[in-house]
All heavy atoms as atom14 arrays in JSON, in Angstrom:
{
  "sequence": "TALGGTALTFFALSAYVLITRKDMSFLGGMMTAGFFVILALFVASL",
  "atom14_mask": [
    [1, 1, 1, 1, 1, 1, 1, 0, 0, 0, 0, 0, 0, 0],
    [1, 1, 1, 1, 1, 0, 0, 0, 0, 0, 0, 0, 0, 0],
    [1, 1, 1, 1, 1, 1, 1, 1, 0, 0, 0, 0, 0, 0],
    [1, 1, 1, 1, 0, 0, 0, 0, 0, 0, 0, 0, 0, 0],
    [1, 1, 1, 1, 0, 0, 0, 0, 0, 0, 0, 0, 0, 0],
    [1, 1, 1, 1, 1, 1, 1, 0, 0, 0, 0, 0, 0, 0],
    [1, 1, 1, 1, 1, 0, 0, 0, 0, 0, 0, 0, 0, 0],
    [1, 1, 1, 1, 1, 1, 1, 1, 0, 0, 0, 0, 0, 0],
    [1, 1, 1, 1, 1, 1, 1, 0, 0, 0, 0, 0, 0, 0],
    [1, 1, 1, 1, 1, 1, 1, 1, 1, 1, 1, 0, 0, 0],
    [1, 1, 1, 1, 1, 1, 1, 1, 1, 1, 1, 0, 0, 0],
    [1, 1, 1, 1, 1, 0, 0, 0, 0, 0, 0, 0, 0, 0],
    [1, 1, 1, 1, 1, 1, 1, 1, 0, 0, 0, 0, 0, 0],
    [1, 1, 1, 1, 1, 1, 0, 0, 0, 0, 0, 0, 0, 0],
    [1, 1, 1, 1, 1, 0, 0, 0, 0, 0, 0, 0, 0, 0],
    [1, 1, 1, 1, 1, 1, 1, 1, 1, 1, 1, 1, 0, 0],
    [1, 1, 1, 1, 1, 1, 1, 0, 0, 0, 0, 0, 0, 0],
    [1, 1, 1, 1, 1, 1, 1, 1, 0, 0, 0, 0, 0, 0],
    [1, 1, 1, 1, 1, 1, 1, 1, 0, 0, 0, 0, 0, 0],
    [1, 1, 1, 1, 1, 1, 1, 0, 0, 0, 0, 0, 0, 0],
    [1, 1, 1, 1, 1, 1, 1, 1, 1, 1, 1, 0, 0, 0],
    [1, 1, 1, 1, 1, 1, 1, 1, 1, 0, 0, 0, 0, 0],
    [1, 1, 1, 1, 1, 1, 1, 1, 0, 0, 0, 0, 0, 0],
    [1, 1, 1, 1, 1, 1, 1, 1, 0, 0, 0, 0, 0, 0],
    [1, 1, 1, 1, 1, 1, 0, 0, 0, 0, 0, 0, 0, 0],
    [1, 1, 1, 1, 1, 1, 1, 1, 1, 1, 1, 0, 0, 0],
    [1, 1, 1, 1, 1, 1, 1, 1, 0, 0, 0, 0, 0, 0],
    [1, 1, 1, 1, 0, 0, 0, 0, 0, 0, 0, 0, 0, 0],
    [1, 1, 1, 1, 0, 0, 0, 0, 0, 0, 0, 0, 0, 0],
    [1, 1, 1, 1, 1, 1, 1, 1, 0, 0, 0, 0, 0, 0],
    [1, 1, 1, 1, 1, 1, 1, 1, 0, 0, 0, 0, 0, 0],
    [1, 1, 1, 1, 1, 1, 1, 0, 0, 0, 0, 0, 0, 0],
    [1, 1, 1, 1, 1, 0, 0, 0, 0, 0, 0, 0, 0, 0],
    [1, 1, 1, 1, 0, 0, 0, 0, 0, 0, 0, 0, 0, 0],
    [1, 1, 1, 1, 1, 1, 1, 1, 1, 1, 1, 0, 0, 0],
    [1, 1, 1, 1, 1, 1, 1, 1, 1, 1, 1, 0, 0, 0],
    [1, 1, 1, 1, 1, 1, 1, 0, 0, 0, 0, 0, 0, 0],
    [1, 1, 1, 1, 1, 1, 1, 1, 0, 0, 0, 0, 0, 0],
    [1, 1, 1, 1, 1, 1, 1, 1, 0, 0, 0, 0, 0, 0],
    [1, 1, 1, 1, 1, 0, 0, 0, 0, 0, 0, 0, 0, 0],
    [1, 1, 1, 1, 1, 1, 1, 1, 0, 0, 0, 0, 0, 0],
    [1, 1, 1, 1, 1, 1, 1, 1, 1, 1, 1, 0, 0, 0],
    [1, 1, 1, 1, 1, 1, 1, 0, 0, 0, 0, 0, 0, 0],
    [1, 1, 1, 1, 1, 0, 0, 0, 0, 0, 0, 0, 0, 0],
    [1, 1, 1, 1, 1, 1, 0, 0, 0, 0, 0, 0, 0, 0],
    [1, 1, 1, 1, 1, 1, 1, 1, 0, 0, 0, 0, 0, 0]
  ],
  "atom14_positions": [
    [[-8.4, -14.14, 11.21], [-7.15, -13.52, 11.31], [-6.93, -12.55, 10.21], [-6.42, -11.39, 10.35], [-6.04, -14.52, 11.39], [-6.19, -15.37, 12.52], [-4.69, -13.84, 11.48], [0.0, 0.0, 0.0], [0.0, 0.0, 0.0], [0.0, 0.0, 0.0], [0.0, 0.0, 0.0], [0.0, 0.0, 0.0], [0.0, 0.0, 0.0], [0.0, 0.0, 0.0]],
    [[-7.36, -13.03, 8.96], [-7.13, -12.1, 7.79], [-8.06, -10.94, 7.9], [-7.59, -9.8, 7.49], [-7.38, -12.91, 6.55], [0.0, 0.0, 0.0], [0.0, 0.0, 0.0], [0.0, 0.0, 0.0], [0.0, 0.0, 0.0], [0.0, 0.0, 0.0], [0.0, 0.0, 0.0], [0.0, 0.0, 0.0], [0.0, 0.0, 0.0], [0.0, 0.0, 0.0]],
    [[-9.36, -11.09, 8.34], [-10.14, -10.05, 8.49], [-9.62, -8.96, 9.56], [-9.66, -7.75, 9.39], [-11.62, -10.47, 8.97], [-12.52, -11.06, 7.9], [-13.69, -11.78, 8.49], [-12.98, -10.04, 6.9], [0.0, 0.0, 0.0], [0.0, 0.0, 0.0], [0.0, 0.0, 0.0], [0.0, 0.0, 0.0], [0.0, 0.0, 0.0], [0.0, 0.0, 0.0]],
    [[-9.14, -9.48, 10.69], [-8.58, -8.7, 11.68], [-7.4, -7.9, 11.26], [-7.27, -6.75, 11.57], [0.0, 0.0, 0.0], [0.0, 0.0, 0.0], [0.0, 0.0, 0.0], [0.0, 0.0, 0.0], [0.0, 0.0, 0.0], [0.0, 0.0, 0.0], [0.0, 0.0, 0.0], [0.0, 0.0, 0.0], [0.0, 0.0, 0.0], [0.0, 0.0, 0.0]],
    [[-6.54, -8.62, 10.53], [-5.33, -7.97, 10.04], [-5.62, -6.92, 9.05], [-4.98, -5.86, 9.04], [0.0, 0.0, 0.0], [0.0, 0.0, 0.0], [0.0, 0.0, 0.0], [0.0, 0.0, 0.0], [0.0, 0.0, 0.0], [0.0, 0.0, 0.0], [0.0, 0.0, 0.0], [0.0, 0.0, 0.0], [0.0, 0.0, 0.0], [0.0, 0.0, 0.0]],
    [[-6.59, -7.09, 8.21], [-7.0, -6.13, 7.26], [-7.6, -4.93, 7.88], [-7.23, -3.73, 7.55], [-8.07, -6.68, 6.19], [-7.56, -7.94, 5.59], [-8.45, -5.74, 5.2], [0.0, 0.0, 0.0], [0.0, 0.0, 0.0], [0.0, 0.0, 0.0], [0.0, 0.0, 0.0], [0.0, 0.0, 0.0], [0.0, 0.0, 0.0], [0.0, 0.0, 0.0]],
    [[-8.44, -5.13, 8.81], [-9.02, -3.92, 9.57], [-8.01, -3.09, 10.35], [-7.99, -1.91, 10.2], [-10.1, -4.54, 10.49], [0.0, 0.0, 0.0], [0.0, 0.0, 0.0], [0.0, 0.0, 0.0], [0.0, 0.0, 0.0], [0.0, 0.0, 0.0], [0.0, 0.0, 0.0], [0.0, 0.0, 0.0], [0.0, 0.0, 0.0], [0.0, 0.0, 0.0]],
    [[-7.07, -3.84, 10.92], [-6.04, -3.25, 11.76], [-5.15, -2.42, 10.83], [-4.7, -1.22, 11.09], [-5.24, -4.26, 12.5], [-4.07, -3.73, 13.35], [-4.62, -2.79, 14.48], [-3.22, -4.82, 13.95], [0.0, 0.0, 0.0], [0.0, 0.0, 0.0], [0.0, 0.0, 0.0], [0.0, 0.0, 0.0], [0.0, 0.0, 0.0], [0.0, 0.0, 0.0]],
    [[-4.75, -3.0, 9.66], [-3.95, -2.25, 8.7], [-4.6, -0.94, 8.26], [-3.99, 0.12, 8.19], [-3.65, -3.17, 7.49], [-2.95, -4.37, 7.9], [-2.8, -2.43, 6.46], [0.0, 0.0, 0.0], [0.0, 0.0, 0.0], [0.0, 0.0, 0.0], [0.0, 0.0, 0.0], [0.0, 0.0, 0.0], [0.0, 0.0, 0.0], [0.0, 0.0, 0.0]],
    [[-5.87, -1.08, 7.97], [-6.67, 0.05, 7.42], [-6.69, 1.17, 8.47], [-6.4, 2.36, 8.25], [-8.08, -0.32, 6.98], [-8.92, 0.82, 6.71], [-8.66, 1.71, 5.57], [-10.03, 1.17, 7.51], [-9.55, 2.73, 5.32], [-10.85, 2.23, 7.31], [-10.64, 3.05, 6.19], [0.0, 0.0, 0.0], [0.0, 0.0, 0.0], [0.0, 0.0, 0.0]],
    [[-7.03, 0.82, 9.68], [-7.24, 1.78, 10.79], [-5.76, 2.41, 11.08], [-5.71, 3.69, 11.34], [-7.84, 1.22, 12.02], [-9.26, 0.96, 11.85], [-9.79, -0.37, 12.06], [-10.15, 1.97, 11.52], [-11.09, -0.57, 11.94], [-11.49, 1.71, 11.31], [-11.99, 0.41, 11.54], [0.0, 0.0, 0.0], [0.0, 0.0, 0.0], [0.0, 0.0, 0.0]],
    [[-4.79, 1.68, 11.08], [-3.43, 2.15, 11.4], [-3.0, 3.13, 10.31], [-2.48, 4.21, 10.67], [-2.49, 1.02, 11.51], [0.0, 0.0, 0.0], [0.0, 0.0, 0.0], [0.0, 0.0, 0.0], [0.0, 0.0, 0.0], [0.0, 0.0, 0.0], [0.0, 0.0, 0.0], [0.0, 0.0, 0.0], [0.0, 0.0, 0.0], [0.0, 0.0, 0.0]],
    [[-3.1, 2.72, 9.04], [-2.76, 3.62, 7.93], [-3.54, 4.94, 7.9], [-2.93, 5.96, 7.75], [-2.82, 2.9, 6.63], [-1.97, 1.67, 6.45], [-2.29, 0.96, 5.22], [-0.49, 2.18, 6.39], [0.0, 0.0, 0.0], [0.0, 0.0, 0.0], [0.0, 0.0, 0.0], [0.0, 0.0, 0.0], [0.0, 0.0, 0.0], [0.0, 0.0, 0.0]],
    [[-4.87, 4.73, 8.04], [-5.69, 6.03, 8.04], [-5.46, 6.84, 9.17], [-5.3, 8.19, 8.99], [-7.16, 5.59, 7.98], [-7.48, 4.83, 6.98], [0.0, 0.0, 0.0], [0.0, 0.0, 0.0], [0.0, 0.0, 0.0], [0.0, 0.0, 0.0], [0.0, 0.0, 0.0], [0.0, 0.0, 0.0], [0.0, 0.0, 0.0], [0.0, 0.0, 0.0]],
    [[-5.21, 6.34, 10.31], [-4.95, 7.17, 11.52], [-3.6, 7.87, 11.37], [-3.5, 9.1, 11.82], [-5.02, 6.31, 12.8], [0.0, 0.0, 0.0], [0.0, 0.0, 0.0], [0.0, 0.0, 0.0], [0.0, 0.0, 0.0], [0.0, 0.0, 0.0], [0.0, 0.0, 0.0], [0.0, 0.0, 0.0], [0.0, 0.0, 0.0], [0.0, 0.0, 0.0]],
    [[-2.67, 7.2, 10.77], [-1.34, 7.93, 10.67], [-1.49, 9.14, 9.81], [-0.92, 10.18, 10.11], [-0.4, 6.9, 10.0], [0.93, 7.44, 9.74], [1.94, 7.8, 10.72], [1.27, 7.83, 8.42], [3.17, 8.39, 10.41], [2.45, 8.47, 8.1], [3.38, 8.65, 9.09], [4.61, 9.3, 8.77], [0.0, 0.0, 0.0], [0.0, 0.0, 0.0]],
    [[-2.15, 8.98, 8.65], [-2.26, 10.1, 7.85], [-3.13, 11.25, 8.37], [-2.83, 12.41, 8.33], [-2.81, 9.7, 6.34], [-3.05, 10.91, 5.48], [-1.93, 8.67, 5.69], [0.0, 0.0, 0.0], [0.0, 0.0, 0.0], [0.0, 0.0, 0.0], [0.0, 0.0, 0.0], [0.0, 0.0, 0.0], [0.0, 0.0, 0.0], [0.0, 0.0, 0.0]],
    [[-4.32, 10.77, 8.9], [-5.19, 11.84, 9.44], [-4.62, 12.56, 10.61], [-4.96, 13.72, 10.91], [-6.48, 11.16, 9.97], [-7.33, 10.58, 8.74], [-8.55, 9.82, 9.43], [-7.87, 11.67, 7.86], [0.0, 0.0, 0.0], [0.0, 0.0, 0.0], [0.0, 0.0, 0.0], [0.0, 0.0, 0.0], [0.0, 0.0, 0.0], [0.0, 0.0, 0.0]],
    [[-3.75, 11.89, 11.43], [-3.19, 12.55, 12.66], [-1.99, 13.45, 12.3], [-1.84, 14.56, 12.7], [-2.76, 11.51, 13.66], [-3.96, 10.85, 14.32], [-1.98, 12.14, 14.84], [-3.66, 9.67, 15.24], [0.0, 0.0, 0.0], [0.0, 0.0, 0.0], [0.0, 0.0, 0.0], [0.0, 0.0, 0.0], [0.0, 0.0, 0.0], [0.0, 0.0, 0.0]],
    [[-1.1, 12.87, 11.45], [0.12, 13.63, 11.09], [-0.16, 14.64, 9.95], [0.6, 15.61, 9.73], [1.25, 12.67, 10.61], [0.85, 12.01, 9.45], [1.52, 11.67, 11.63], [0.0, 0.0, 0.0], [0.0, 0.0, 0.0], [0.0, 0.0, 0.0], [0.0, 0.0, 0.0], [0.0, 0.0, 0.0], [0.0, 0.0, 0.0], [0.0, 0.0, 0.0]],
    [[-1.14, 14.31, 9.11], [-1.54, 15.23, 7.97], [-0.38, 15.29, 7.0], [-0.15, 16.26, 6.33], [-2.08, 16.55, 8.38], [-3.16, 16.47, 9.39], [-3.91, 17.86, 9.51], [-4.66, 18.17, 8.29], [-5.91, 17.68, 8.1], [-6.42, 16.78, 8.94], [-6.59, 17.97, 6.96], [0.0, 0.0, 0.0], [0.0, 0.0, 0.0], [0.0, 0.0, 0.0]],
    [[0.41, 14.21, 6.85], [1.57, 14.18, 6.05], [1.18, 13.97, 4.55], [0.31, 13.28, 4.29], [2.55, 13.05, 6.54], [3.92, 13.15, 5.88], [4.8, 12.01, 6.47], [6.18, 12.11, 5.89], [7.09, 11.07, 6.51], [0.0, 0.0, 0.0], [0.0, 0.0, 0.0], [0.0, 0.0, 0.0], [0.0, 0.0, 0.0], [0.0, 0.0, 0.0]],
    [[1.91, 14.67, 3.71], [1.72, 14.58, 2.27], [2.47, 13.35, 1.84], [3.67, 13.26, 1.87], [2.19, 15.87, 1.54], [1.95, 15.81, 0.1], [1.36, 14.8, -0.38], [2.33, 16.73, -0.58], [0.0, 0.0, 0.0], [0.0, 0.0, 0.0], [0.0, 0.0, 0.0], [0.0, 0.0, 0.0], [0.0, 0.0, 0.0], [0.0, 0.0, 0.0]],
    [[1.69, 12.32, 1.36], [2.26, 11.02, 0.98], [2.48, 10.94, -0.5], [2.77, 9.87, -1.06], [1.39, 9.95, 1.36], [1.02, 9.89, 2.89], [2.42, 9.89, 3.97], [3.07, 8.17, 3.57], [0.0, 0.0, 0.0], [0.0, 0.0, 0.0], [0.0, 0.0, 0.0], [0.0, 0.0, 0.0], [0.0, 0.0, 0.0], [0.0, 0.0, 0.0]],
    [[2.45, 12.08, -1.23], [2.72, 12.06, -2.7], [4.14, 11.59, -3.12], [4.24, 11.12, -4.28], [2.4, 13.44, -3.35], [3.31, 14.33, -2.76], [0.0, 0.0, 0.0], [0.0, 0.0, 0.0], [0.0, 0.0, 0.0], [0.0, 0.0, 0.0], [0.0, 0.0, 0.0], [0.0, 0.0, 0.0], [0.0, 0.0, 0.0], [0.0, 0.0, 0.0]],
    [[4.94, 11.65, -2.2], [6.33, 11.17, -2.51], [6.42, 9.64, -2.81], [7.37, 9.17, -3.27], [7.34, 11.53, -1.33], [7.09, 10.7, -0.1], [7.76, 9.47, 0.11], [6.21, 11.14, 0.92], [7.46, 8.82, 1.28], [5.92, 10.4, 2.06], [6.58, 9.22, 2.23], [0.0, 0.0, 0.0], [0.0, 0.0, 0.0], [0.0, 0.0, 0.0]],
    [[5.4, 8.94, -2.42], [5.35, 7.45, -2.78], [4.97, 7.17, -4.14], [4.97, 6.06, -4.65], [4.21, 6.84, -1.77], [4.51, 6.85, -0.24], [3.33, 6.29, 0.43], [5.7, 6.0, 0.01], [0.0, 0.0, 0.0], [0.0, 0.0, 0.0], [0.0, 0.0, 0.0], [0.0, 0.0, 0.0], [0.0, 0.0, 0.0], [0.0, 0.0, 0.0]],
    [[4.63, 8.16, -4.94], [4.11, 8.01, -6.31], [5.11, 7.22, -7.13], [4.77, 6.28, -7.87], [0.0, 0.0, 0.0], [0.0, 0.0, 0.0], [0.0, 0.0, 0.0], [0.0, 0.0, 0.0], [0.0, 0.0, 0.0], [0.0, 0.0, 0.0], [0.0, 0.0, 0.0], [0.0, 0.0, 0.0], [0.0, 0.0, 0.0], [0.0, 0.0, 0.0]],
    [[6.38, 7.67, -7.17], [7.46, 6.98, -7.94], [7.57, 5.55, -7.5], [7.67, 4.56, -8.41], [0.0, 0.0, 0.0], [0.0, 0.0, 0.0], [0.0, 0.0, 0.0], [0.0, 0.0, 0.0], [0.0, 0.0, 0.0], [0.0, 0.0, 0.0], [0.0, 0.0, 0.0], [0.0, 0.0, 0.0], [0.0, 0.0, 0.0], [0.0, 0.0, 0.0]],
    [[7.59, 5.18, -6.16], [7.76, 3.79, -5.79], [6.55, 3.01, -6.15], [6.61, 1.76, -6.46], [7.91, 3.83, -4.29], [9.32, 4.29, -3.86], [9.62, 4.28, -2.06], [8.62, 5.63, -1.54], [0.0, 0.0, 0.0], [0.0, 0.0, 0.0], [0.0, 0.0, 0.0], [0.0, 0.0, 0.0], [0.0, 0.0, 0.0], [0.0, 0.0, 0.0]],
    [[5.4, 3.63, -6.03], [4.16, 2.89, -6.42], [4.08, 2.44, -7.88], [3.65, 1.41, -8.32], [2.91, 3.7, -6.16], [2.75, 4.08, -4.65], [2.12, 2.6, -3.64], [0.45, 2.39, -4.31], [0.0, 0.0, 0.0], [0.0, 0.0, 0.0], [0.0, 0.0, 0.0], [0.0, 0.0, 0.0], [0.0, 0.0, 0.0], [0.0, 0.0, 0.0]],
    [[4.63, 3.5, -8.8], [4.7, 3.18, -10.21], [5.57, 1.97, -10.47], [5.25, 1.04, -11.2], [5.05, 4.36, -10.93], [4.22, 5.5, -10.74], [5.17, 4.11, -12.41], [0.0, 0.0, 0.0], [0.0, 0.0, 0.0], [0.0, 0.0, 0.0], [0.0, 0.0, 0.0], [0.0, 0.0, 0.0], [0.0, 0.0, 0.0], [0.0, 0.0, 0.0]],
    [[6.78, 2.04, -9.86], [7.74, 0.91, -9.99], [7.15, -0.41, -9.32], [7.32, -1.45, -10.06], [9.04, 1.24, -9.29], [0.0, 0.0, 0.0], [0.0, 0.0, 0.0], [0.0, 0.0, 0.0], [0.0, 0.0, 0.0], [0.0, 0.0, 0.0], [0.0, 0.0, 0.0], [0.0, 0.0, 0.0], [0.0, 0.0, 0.0], [0.0, 0.0, 0.0]],
    [[6.59, -0.29, -8.36], [5.91, -1.46, -7.67], [4.9, -2.12, -8.54], [4.76, -3.36, -8.59], [0.0, 0.0, 0.0], [0.0, 0.0, 0.0], [0.0, 0.0, 0.0], [0.0, 0.0, 0.0], [0.0, 0.0, 0.0], [0.0, 0.0, 0.0], [0.0, 0.0, 0.0], [0.0, 0.0, 0.0], [0.0, 0.0, 0.0], [0.0, 0.0, 0.0]],
    [[4.15, -1.27, -9.19], [3.05, -1.76, -10.13], [3.67, -2.57, -11.18], [3.13, -3.78, -11.46], [2.22, -0.65, -10.73], [1.26, -1.1, -11.79], [0.04, -1.59, -11.5], [1.63, -0.89, -13.11], [-0.84, -2.02, -12.45], [0.78, -1.23, -14.1], [-0.48, -1.84, -13.85], [0.0, 0.0, 0.0], [0.0, 0.0, 0.0], [0.0, 0.0, 0.0]],
    [[4.67, -2.13, -11.88], [5.29, -2.99, -12.84], [6.0, -4.25, -12.49], [5.99, -5.25, -13.04], [6.26, -2.09, -13.72], [5.61, -1.04, -14.6], [5.62, 0.29, -14.27], [4.91, -1.4, -15.77], [5.05, 1.3, -15.05], [4.37, -0.49, -16.56], [4.35, 0.86, -16.17], [0.0, 0.0, 0.0], [0.0, 0.0, 0.0], [0.0, 0.0, 0.0]],
    [[6.6, -4.12, -11.22], [7.17, -5.37, -10.68], [6.05, -6.48, -10.32], [6.24, -7.56, -10.72], [7.93, -4.99, -9.33], [8.31, -6.34, -8.61], [9.13, -4.16, -9.63], [0.0, 0.0, 0.0], [0.0, 0.0, 0.0], [0.0, 0.0, 0.0], [0.0, 0.0, 0.0], [0.0, 0.0, 0.0], [0.0, 0.0, 0.0], [0.0, 0.0, 0.0]],
    [[4.91, -5.94, -9.78], [3.81, -6.91, -9.45], [3.3, -7.44, -10.75], [3.01, -8.69, -10.89], [2.79, -6.12, -8.66], [3.33, -5.86, -7.25], [1.43, -6.95, -8.66], [2.29, -5.04, -6.46], [0.0, 0.0, 0.0], [0.0, 0.0, 0.0], [0.0, 0.0, 0.0], [0.0, 0.0, 0.0], [0.0, 0.0, 0.0], [0.0, 0.0, 0.0]],
    [[3.12, -6.63, -11.84], [2.57, -7.11, -13.13], [3.48, -8.13, -13.7], [2.98, -9.17, -14.17], [2.44, -5.86, -13.98], [1.83, -6.17, -15.44], [0.43, -6.76, -15.31], [1.86, -4.96, -16.34], [0.0, 0.0, 0.0], [0.0, 0.0, 0.0], [0.0, 0.0, 0.0], [0.0, 0.0, 0.0], [0.0, 0.0, 0.0], [0.0, 0.0, 0.0]],
    [[4.76, -7.88, -13.68], [5.71, -8.88, -14.27], [5.71, -10.18, -13.39], [5.66, -11.27, -14.16], [7.1, -8.31, -14.13], [0.0, 0.0, 0.0], [0.0, 0.0, 0.0], [0.0, 0.0, 0.0], [0.0, 0.0, 0.0], [0.0, 0.0, 0.0], [0.0, 0.0, 0.0], [0.0, 0.0, 0.0], [0.0, 0.0, 0.0], [0.0, 0.0, 0.0]],
    [[5.67, -10.12, -12.13], [5.54, -11.37, -11.28], [4.25, -12.08, -11.49], [4.3, -13.33, -11.53], [5.82, -10.98, -9.85], [7.22, -10.58, -9.49], [7.25, -10.19, -8.05], [8.23, -11.7, -9.76], [0.0, 0.0, 0.0], [0.0, 0.0, 0.0], [0.0, 0.0, 0.0], [0.0, 0.0, 0.0], [0.0, 0.0, 0.0], [0.0, 0.0, 0.0]],
    [[3.11, -11.31, -11.76], [1.91, -11.9, -11.91], [1.85, -12.78, -13.22], [1.39, -13.86, -13.25], [0.81, -10.88, -11.97], [-0.59, -11.43, -12.26], [-1.29, -12.14, -11.33], [-1.14, -11.25, -13.53], [-2.53, -12.69, -11.59], [-2.41, -11.75, -13.78], [-3.16, -12.44, -12.8], [0.0, 0.0, 0.0], [0.0, 0.0, 0.0], [0.0, 0.0, 0.0]],
    [[2.4, -12.11, -14.26], [2.45, -12.91, -15.59], [3.33, -14.16, -15.43], [3.01, -15.13, -15.91], [3.02, -11.89, -16.59], [3.27, -12.72, -17.97], [2.0, -10.72, -16.86], [0.0, 0.0, 0.0], [0.0, 0.0, 0.0], [0.0, 0.0, 0.0], [0.0, 0.0, 0.0], [0.0, 0.0, 0.0], [0.0, 0.0, 0.0], [0.0, 0.0, 0.0]],
    [[4.45, -13.98, -14.66], [5.34, -15.09, -14.44], [4.67, -16.24, -13.75], [4.86, -17.43, -14.02], [6.63, -14.58, -13.8], [0.0, 0.0, 0.0], [0.0, 0.0, 0.0], [0.0, 0.0, 0.0], [0.0, 0.0, 0.0], [0.0, 0.0, 0.0], [0.0, 0.0, 0.0], [0.0, 0.0, 0.0], [0.0, 0.0, 0.0], [0.0, 0.0, 0.0]],
    [[3.89, -15.83, -12.79], [3.18, -16.81, -11.94], [2.21, -17.64, -12.75], [1.83, -18.83, -12.35], [2.45, -16.15, -10.76], [1.36, -15.45, -11.2], [0.0, 0.0, 0.0], [0.0, 0.0, 0.0], [0.0, 0.0, 0.0], [0.0, 0.0, 0.0], [0.0, 0.0, 0.0], [0.0, 0.0, 0.0], [0.0, 0.0, 0.0], [0.0, 0.0, 0.0]],
    [[1.65, -17.1, -13.87], [0.7, -17.84, -14.69], [1.37, -18.96, -15.47], [0.71, -19.99, -15.87], [0.1, -16.8, -15.69], [-0.71, -15.81, -15.13], [-1.22, -14.86, -16.33], [-1.9, -16.26, -14.37], [0.0, 0.0, 0.0], [0.0, 0.0, 0.0], [0.0, 0.0, 0.0], [0.0, 0.0, 0.0], [0.0, 0.0, 0.0], [0.0, 0.0, 0.0]]
  ]
}
């Protein structure tokens, strides 16, 4: 199930960008914020 879910996620995401050719650079700010949130939670989980 995990293998199938990973494959499906990859194909869906890739197909979306390749078909729409949308510029996804607007995600940069959210990705930076998300990185620090994940880092903080990871340290807390230890």
